Every structure is written in structure tokens, then in C-alpha cells.
Protein backbone atom coordinates (compact mmCIF):
# COMPACT_ATOMS: atom_id res chain seq x y z
CA GLN A 1 119.01 148.70 98.20
CA VAL A 2 117.27 148.77 101.57
CA VAL A 3 115.52 145.71 102.95
CA LEU A 4 112.81 146.41 105.52
CA VAL A 5 111.34 143.91 107.96
CA GLU A 6 108.42 144.78 110.19
CA SER A 7 107.62 143.06 113.47
CA GLY A 8 105.52 143.55 116.56
CA GLY A 9 102.05 143.04 115.15
CA GLY A 10 99.49 140.83 116.81
CA LEU A 11 96.05 140.58 118.37
CA VAL A 12 95.09 143.11 121.00
CA GLN A 13 91.87 144.25 122.66
CA ALA A 14 90.43 147.66 122.01
CA GLY A 15 92.16 150.23 124.18
CA GLY A 16 95.38 148.27 124.21
CA SER A 17 98.81 149.07 122.83
CA LEU A 18 101.32 147.64 120.41
CA ARG A 19 104.77 148.72 119.30
CA LEU A 20 105.75 147.97 115.74
CA SER A 21 109.37 147.87 114.65
CA CYS A 22 110.84 148.21 111.19
CA ALA A 23 114.41 146.96 110.94
CA ALA A 24 116.45 147.99 107.93
CA SER A 25 119.45 146.35 106.36
CA GLY A 26 121.60 147.08 103.35
CA ARG A 27 122.10 150.80 103.83
CA PRO A 28 122.29 153.18 106.81
CA LEU A 29 118.78 154.25 107.67
CA SER A 30 120.00 157.74 108.51
CA SER A 31 119.84 158.67 104.82
CA TYR A 32 116.17 157.75 104.49
CA ALA A 33 112.86 159.31 105.30
CA MET A 34 110.49 156.69 106.66
CA GLY A 35 106.77 156.13 106.61
CA TRP A 36 104.15 153.80 108.00
CA PHE A 37 101.10 152.79 105.98
CA ARG A 38 98.28 150.34 106.57
CA GLN A 39 95.87 148.37 104.46
CA ALA A 40 92.65 146.84 105.68
CA PRO A 41 90.91 144.04 103.73
CA GLY A 42 89.23 145.37 100.63
CA LYS A 43 90.62 148.87 101.13
CA GLU A 44 93.44 150.92 99.71
CA ARG A 45 96.76 151.38 101.45
CA ASP A 46 96.52 154.44 103.68
CA PHE A 47 99.12 156.72 105.16
CA VAL A 48 99.58 156.47 108.93
CA ALA A 49 102.72 158.33 109.97
CA ALA A 50 105.98 159.69 108.60
CA ILE A 51 109.31 160.79 110.02
CA GLY A 52 112.15 162.71 108.47
CA ARG A 53 115.66 161.32 108.33
CA ASN A 54 116.78 163.13 111.47
CA SER A 55 113.62 162.66 113.55
CA GLY A 56 113.08 166.40 113.57
CA SER A 57 109.88 166.24 111.60
CA THR A 58 106.92 163.93 111.97
CA TYR A 59 103.44 163.85 110.53
CA TYR A 60 100.36 161.79 111.29
CA ALA A 61 97.08 160.91 109.68
CA ASP A 62 94.20 162.55 111.51
CA SER A 63 92.79 159.15 112.40
CA VAL A 64 95.83 158.28 114.53
CA LYS A 65 96.96 161.68 115.76
CA GLY A 66 97.36 161.70 119.53
CA ARG A 67 97.33 157.89 119.72
CA PHE A 68 100.30 156.83 117.57
CA THR A 69 103.90 157.97 117.79
CA VAL A 70 106.57 157.38 115.17
CA SER A 71 110.22 157.42 116.16
CA ARG A 72 113.54 156.14 114.91
CA ASP A 73 116.88 154.97 116.20
CA ASN A 74 119.34 155.48 113.37
CA ALA A 75 122.13 153.82 115.37
CA LYS A 76 120.04 150.65 115.43
CA ASN A 77 118.72 151.12 111.87
CA THR A 78 115.19 150.79 113.20
CA VAL A 79 111.98 152.78 113.03
CA PHE A 80 109.13 152.34 115.50
CA LEU A 81 105.42 152.96 115.60
CA GLU A 82 104.00 153.12 119.10
CA MET A 83 100.23 152.56 118.97
CA ASN A 84 98.07 153.33 121.98
CA SER A 85 94.32 153.41 122.58
CA LEU A 86 93.85 151.00 119.71
CA LYS A 87 90.45 150.73 118.05
CA PRO A 88 88.92 147.95 115.96
CA GLU A 89 89.20 150.24 112.92
CA ASP A 90 92.98 150.19 113.32
CA THR A 91 92.93 146.56 112.21
CA ALA A 92 95.08 146.23 109.10
CA VAL A 93 98.38 145.05 107.72
CA TYR A 94 100.96 147.69 108.62
CA TYR A 95 103.84 148.43 106.28
CA CYS A 96 106.94 150.51 106.72
CA ALA A 97 108.48 152.29 103.76
CA ALA A 98 111.68 154.18 103.00
CA ARG A 99 112.97 156.69 100.52
CA MET A 100 116.36 158.31 100.31
CA SER A 101 116.21 161.93 101.34
CA GLY A 102 118.71 164.75 101.24
CA SER A 103 116.67 166.82 103.66
CA GLY A 104 114.69 166.44 106.86
CA ASN A 105 111.38 166.33 105.02
CA TYR A 106 108.75 163.69 105.55
CA TYR A 107 106.54 162.18 102.84
CA VAL A 108 102.90 161.15 103.07
CA THR A 109 102.11 159.52 99.73
CA SER A 110 102.84 155.87 99.01
CA SER A 111 104.24 156.74 95.60
CA ASP A 112 106.92 158.84 97.35
CA TYR A 113 108.52 155.71 98.78
CA TYR A 114 110.85 153.33 97.00
CA TYR A 115 111.29 150.49 99.46
CA TRP A 116 108.65 148.53 101.36
CA GLY A 117 108.55 145.84 104.00
CA GLN A 118 106.39 142.74 103.82
CA GLY A 119 103.94 144.00 106.42
CA THR A 120 102.80 142.90 109.86
CA GLN A 121 99.21 142.15 110.83
CA VAL A 122 97.54 144.17 113.57
CA THR A 123 94.14 142.98 114.76
CA VAL A 124 92.16 144.89 117.35
CA SER A 125 89.19 143.10 118.86
CA SER A 126 86.21 144.93 120.29
């Protein structure tokens, strides 16, 4: 069992930056592929970014490519999402997710993930 806790959300002006963290406990994060998803009010949960267990592979939604960067520090059992050039449409609750992986693959569908954090709110004002 992996327990995930996100932090780092908040209110920021358009064009600003935030860095989200996802701290894991219960199992070494090095065995898990990780993903970030977001859900805006009244909308479905959407994929944002994913990273393989060894950081060698990453993948981004087109809407955030070039602005967001996903990374991980397995020694600290933490995954990060660096968000730059934020836009009002980035406003959402951001969730991190984990699934055990025997390879360096990443996963982009919410149903691929077994464990979820409680989410952190990101609000971007115009």
C-alpha cells in the first residue's frame, strides 16, 4: 500500500509558477510509475504528466507541454510537478497517482493507476 500526499498548490497570477510535490509513504517509490492528473469543476479528471519509475521516460499532455516538468527523487520518495507560465485554464485540483511497474514505462490513463493522493488546489487568476 502506498499513501500519497500532494502539497504546493495555491493561488497564483497568470504567468506565474508553482511547484507541486507528491510525497509517498508505505513503499519505496522507486518501484512505481507516477502520474499527475487534474480535475476542474464540472469536468472529468484529465491526464497532465507521467514519469517512469527510473525518470528515464516522461510524457505530457499537449496542453502543458513546454510549460510543465515532471521529475522524481526516489531517494526522497517524492515526485514533483514544476508548473511555469500558468494560465487560468490550468485551474484545477491536481492529483498524483502511482502504480507498481516492472519497467520504465509511463502510463497516461487514470484507470492505469492504483493509488491516488487527496489532491491539491491550484488556482490561476487572470
